[in-house]
C-alpha atoms as a PDB file:
ATOM      1  CA  VAL A   1     -11.169 -12.762   0.464  1.00  0.00           C
ATOM      2  CA  GLN A   2      -9.617 -10.830  -2.406  1.00  0.00           C
ATOM      3  CA  PHE A   3      -7.330  -7.841  -2.789  1.00  0.00           C
ATOM      4  CA  VAL A   4      -6.790  -6.126  -6.139  1.00  0.00           C
ATOM      5  CA  GLU A   5      -3.976  -3.583  -6.159  1.00  0.00           C
ATOM      6  CA  SER A   6      -3.577  -0.996  -8.905  1.00  0.00           C
ATOM      7  CA  GLY A   7      -1.954   2.327  -9.674  1.00  0.00           C
ATOM      8  CA  GLY A   8       1.670   1.308  -9.982  1.00  0.00           C
ATOM      9  CA  GLY A   9       3.926   2.280 -12.828  1.00  0.00           C
ATOM     10  CA  LEU A  10       7.216   3.790 -13.893  1.00  0.00           C
ATOM     11  CA  VAL A  11       8.064   7.143 -12.353  1.00  0.00           C
ATOM     12  CA  GLN A  12      11.154   9.317 -12.118  1.00  0.00           C
ATOM     13  CA  PRO A  13      12.820  10.023  -8.771  1.00  0.00           C
ATOM     14  CA  GLY A  14      10.913  12.748  -6.977  1.00  0.00           C
ATOM     15  CA  GLY A  15       7.652  11.799  -8.649  1.00  0.00           C
ATOM     16  CA  SER A  16       4.362  10.632  -7.164  1.00  0.00           C
ATOM     17  CA  LEU A  17       1.991   7.719  -7.482  1.00  0.00           C
ATOM     18  CA  ARG A  18      -1.307   6.833  -5.847  1.00  0.00           C
ATOM     19  CA  LEU A  19      -1.932   3.159  -5.259  1.00  0.00           C
ATOM     20  CA  SER A  20      -5.379   1.681  -4.709  1.00  0.00           C
ATOM     21  CA  CYS A  21      -6.441  -1.627  -3.251  1.00  0.00           C
ATOM     22  CA  ALA A  22      -9.985  -2.886  -3.700  1.00  0.00           C
ATOM     23  CA  ALA A  23     -10.905  -5.441  -1.057  1.00  0.00           C
ATOM     24  CA  SER A  24     -13.759  -7.918  -0.949  1.00  0.00           C
ATOM     25  CA  GLY A  25     -14.964 -10.998   0.885  1.00  0.00           C
ATOM     26  CA  PHE A  26     -14.811  -9.702   4.450  1.00  0.00           C
ATOM     27  CA  SER A  27     -16.092  -6.885   6.639  1.00  0.00           C
ATOM     28  CA  PHE A  28     -13.809  -4.161   5.352  1.00  0.00           C
ATOM     29  CA  GLY A  29     -15.153  -1.421   7.574  1.00  0.00           C
ATOM     30  CA  SER A  30     -14.335  -3.426  10.693  1.00  0.00           C
ATOM     31  CA  THR A  31     -10.830  -4.450   9.670  1.00  0.00           C
ATOM     32  CA  GLY A  32      -7.455  -2.748   9.853  1.00  0.00           C
ATOM     33  CA  MET A  33      -5.502  -2.622   6.621  1.00  0.00           C
ATOM     34  CA  ARG A  34      -1.839  -2.536   5.697  1.00  0.00           C
ATOM     35  CA  TRP A  35       0.367  -1.810   2.701  1.00  0.00           C
ATOM     36  CA  TYR A  36       3.459  -3.936   2.202  1.00  0.00           C
ATOM     37  CA  ARG A  37       6.177  -3.982  -0.427  1.00  0.00           C
ATOM     38  CA  GLN A  38       8.714  -6.475  -1.691  1.00  0.00           C
ATOM     39  CA  ALA A  39      11.797  -5.356  -3.547  1.00  0.00           C
ATOM     40  CA  PRO A  40      13.753  -7.769  -5.757  1.00  0.00           C
ATOM     41  CA  GLY A  41      15.778 -10.183  -3.646  1.00  0.00           C
ATOM     42  CA  LYS A  42      14.340  -8.875  -0.393  1.00  0.00           C
ATOM     43  CA  GLU A  43      11.680  -9.985   2.048  1.00  0.00           C
ATOM     44  CA  ARG A  44       8.252  -8.403   2.067  1.00  0.00           C
ATOM     45  CA  GLU A  45       8.147  -5.447   4.456  1.00  0.00           C
ATOM     46  CA  LEU A  46       5.391  -3.432   6.093  1.00  0.00           C
ATOM     47  CA  VAL A  47       4.999   0.096   4.731  1.00  0.00           C
ATOM     48  CA  ALA A  48       1.918   1.523   6.445  1.00  0.00           C
ATOM     49  CA  ASP A  49      -0.977   0.534   8.667  1.00  0.00           C
ATOM     50  CA  ILE A  50      -4.422   2.079   9.144  1.00  0.00           C
ATOM     51  CA  SER A  51      -7.057   1.153  11.724  1.00  0.00           C
ATOM     52  CA  PHE A  52     -10.583   0.153  10.703  1.00  0.00           C
ATOM     53  CA  GLY A  53     -11.936   3.644  11.254  1.00  0.00           C
ATOM     54  CA  GLY A  54      -8.855   5.433   9.955  1.00  0.00           C
ATOM     55  CA  GLY A  55      -8.111   7.092  13.248  1.00  0.00           C
ATOM     56  CA  HIS A  56      -4.841   5.325  13.947  1.00  0.00           C
ATOM     57  CA  ILE A  57      -2.079   5.253  11.342  1.00  0.00           C
ATOM     58  CA  THR A  58       1.536   4.132  11.506  1.00  0.00           C
ATOM     59  CA  TYR A  59       4.343   4.174   8.947  1.00  0.00           C
ATOM     60  CA  ALA A  60       7.620   2.413   8.475  1.00  0.00           C
ATOM     61  CA  ASP A  61      10.563   4.771   8.864  1.00  0.00           C
ATOM     62  CA  ALA A  62      11.191   4.625   5.106  1.00  0.00           C
ATOM     63  CA  ALA A  63       7.663   5.907   4.432  1.00  0.00           C
ATOM     64  CA  LYS A  64       7.348   8.631   7.057  1.00  0.00           C
ATOM     65  CA  GLY A  65       6.863  12.104   5.644  1.00  0.00           C
ATOM     66  CA  ARG A  66       6.506  10.869   2.055  1.00  0.00           C
ATOM     67  CA  PHE A  67       3.666   8.306   2.000  1.00  0.00           C
ATOM     68  CA  THR A  68       0.069   8.696   3.157  1.00  0.00           C
ATOM     69  CA  ILE A  69      -2.285   5.801   3.766  1.00  0.00           C
ATOM     70  CA  SER A  70      -6.031   6.361   3.686  1.00  0.00           C
ATOM     71  CA  ARG A  71      -9.209   4.383   3.240  1.00  0.00           C
ATOM     72  CA  ASP A  72     -12.764   4.686   1.974  1.00  0.00           C
ATOM     73  CA  ASN A  73     -14.969   2.223   3.813  1.00  0.00           C
ATOM     74  CA  TRP A  74     -17.903   2.870   1.471  1.00  0.00           C
ATOM     75  CA  LYS A  75     -15.786   1.704  -1.443  1.00  0.00           C
ATOM     76  CA  SER A  76     -13.896  -1.027   0.501  1.00  0.00           C
ATOM     77  CA  THR A  77     -10.705   0.537  -0.794  1.00  0.00           C
ATOM     78  CA  VAL A  78      -7.422   1.504   0.807  1.00  0.00           C
ATOM     79  CA  TYR A  79      -5.003   3.954  -0.789  1.00  0.00           C
ATOM     80  CA  LEU A  80      -1.322   4.776  -0.592  1.00  0.00           C
ATOM     81  CA  GLN A  81      -0.250   8.197  -1.802  1.00  0.00           C
ATOM     82  CA  MET A  82       3.473   8.147  -2.449  1.00  0.00           C
ATOM     83  CA  ASN A  83       5.379  11.385  -2.960  1.00  0.00           C
ATOM     84  CA  SER A  84       9.065  12.203  -3.371  1.00  0.00           C
ATOM     85  CA  LEU A  85       9.703   8.711  -4.644  1.00  0.00           C
ATOM     86  CA  LYS A  86      13.224   7.337  -4.456  1.00  0.00           C
ATOM     87  CA  LEU A  87      15.027   4.619  -6.381  1.00  0.00           C
ATOM     88  CA  GLU A  88      14.830   2.392  -3.305  1.00  0.00           C
ATOM     89  CA  ASP A  89      11.024   2.537  -3.347  1.00  0.00           C
ATOM     90  CA  THR A  90      11.063   0.240  -6.361  1.00  0.00           C
ATOM     91  CA  ALA A  91       9.092  -2.858  -5.369  1.00  0.00           C
ATOM     92  CA  VAL A  92       5.861  -4.746  -5.791  1.00  0.00           C
ATOM     93  CA  TYR A  93       3.300  -3.208  -3.441  1.00  0.00           C
ATOM     94  CA  TYR A  94       0.603  -5.287  -1.771  1.00  0.00           C
ATOM     95  CA  CYS A  95      -2.252  -4.590   0.590  1.00  0.00           C
ATOM     96  CA  ASN A  96      -3.681  -6.970   3.137  1.00  0.00           C
ATOM     97  CA  SER A  97      -5.960  -7.072   6.119  1.00  0.00           C
ATOM     98  CA  VAL A  98      -5.059  -7.262   9.796  1.00  0.00           C
ATOM     99  CA  PRO A  99      -4.479 -10.147  10.423  1.00  0.00           C
ATOM    100  CA  PRO A 100      -3.291 -10.976   6.895  1.00  0.00           C
ATOM    101  CA  ASN A 101      -5.292 -13.137   4.523  1.00  0.00           C
ATOM    102  CA  ASN A 102      -4.763 -14.209   0.910  1.00  0.00           C
ATOM    103  CA  TRP A 103      -2.259 -12.094  -0.992  1.00  0.00           C
ATOM    104  CA  GLY A 104      -3.196 -10.318  -4.181  1.00  0.00           C
ATOM    105  CA  ARG A 105      -0.936  -9.948  -7.220  1.00  0.00           C
ATOM    106  CA  GLY A 106       0.359  -6.591  -6.104  1.00  0.00           C
ATOM    107  CA  THR A 107       1.204  -3.607  -8.267  1.00  0.00           C
ATOM    108  CA  GLN A 108       4.692  -2.878  -9.558  1.00  0.00           C
ATOM    109  CA  VAL A 109       6.258   0.462  -8.710  1.00  0.00           C
ATOM    110  CA  THR A 110       9.469   1.271 -10.540  1.00  0.00           C
ATOM    111  CA  VAL A 111      11.384   4.442  -9.754  1.00  0.00           C
ATOM    112  CA  SER A 112      14.002   5.115 -12.372  1.00  0.00           C
ATOM    113  CA  SER A 113      15.562   8.009 -14.232  1.00  0.00           C
END
């Protein structure tokens, strides 16, 4: 099982980023997926969750109204569109399956003016 996250970077407050996570080694189309993040000095936290078919989605309170999770089962890829980014969104972002498996390297998101 492998997850390869990409799309992070440095962005100003109020900006947007689209993260991607390419998954392999399991039946992606039959598996729920989640995005997590870990800020410096803090525990990893759940950001968003999407069911295997995409019909059921939940967000952490910090992500509601600003982030959108989606998936493309043909490409075995899950996405996180992040808008109106805030300083406190700075973290390493990871994806994983439900239940979780090996962790990828994540992608760094830095929100700074």
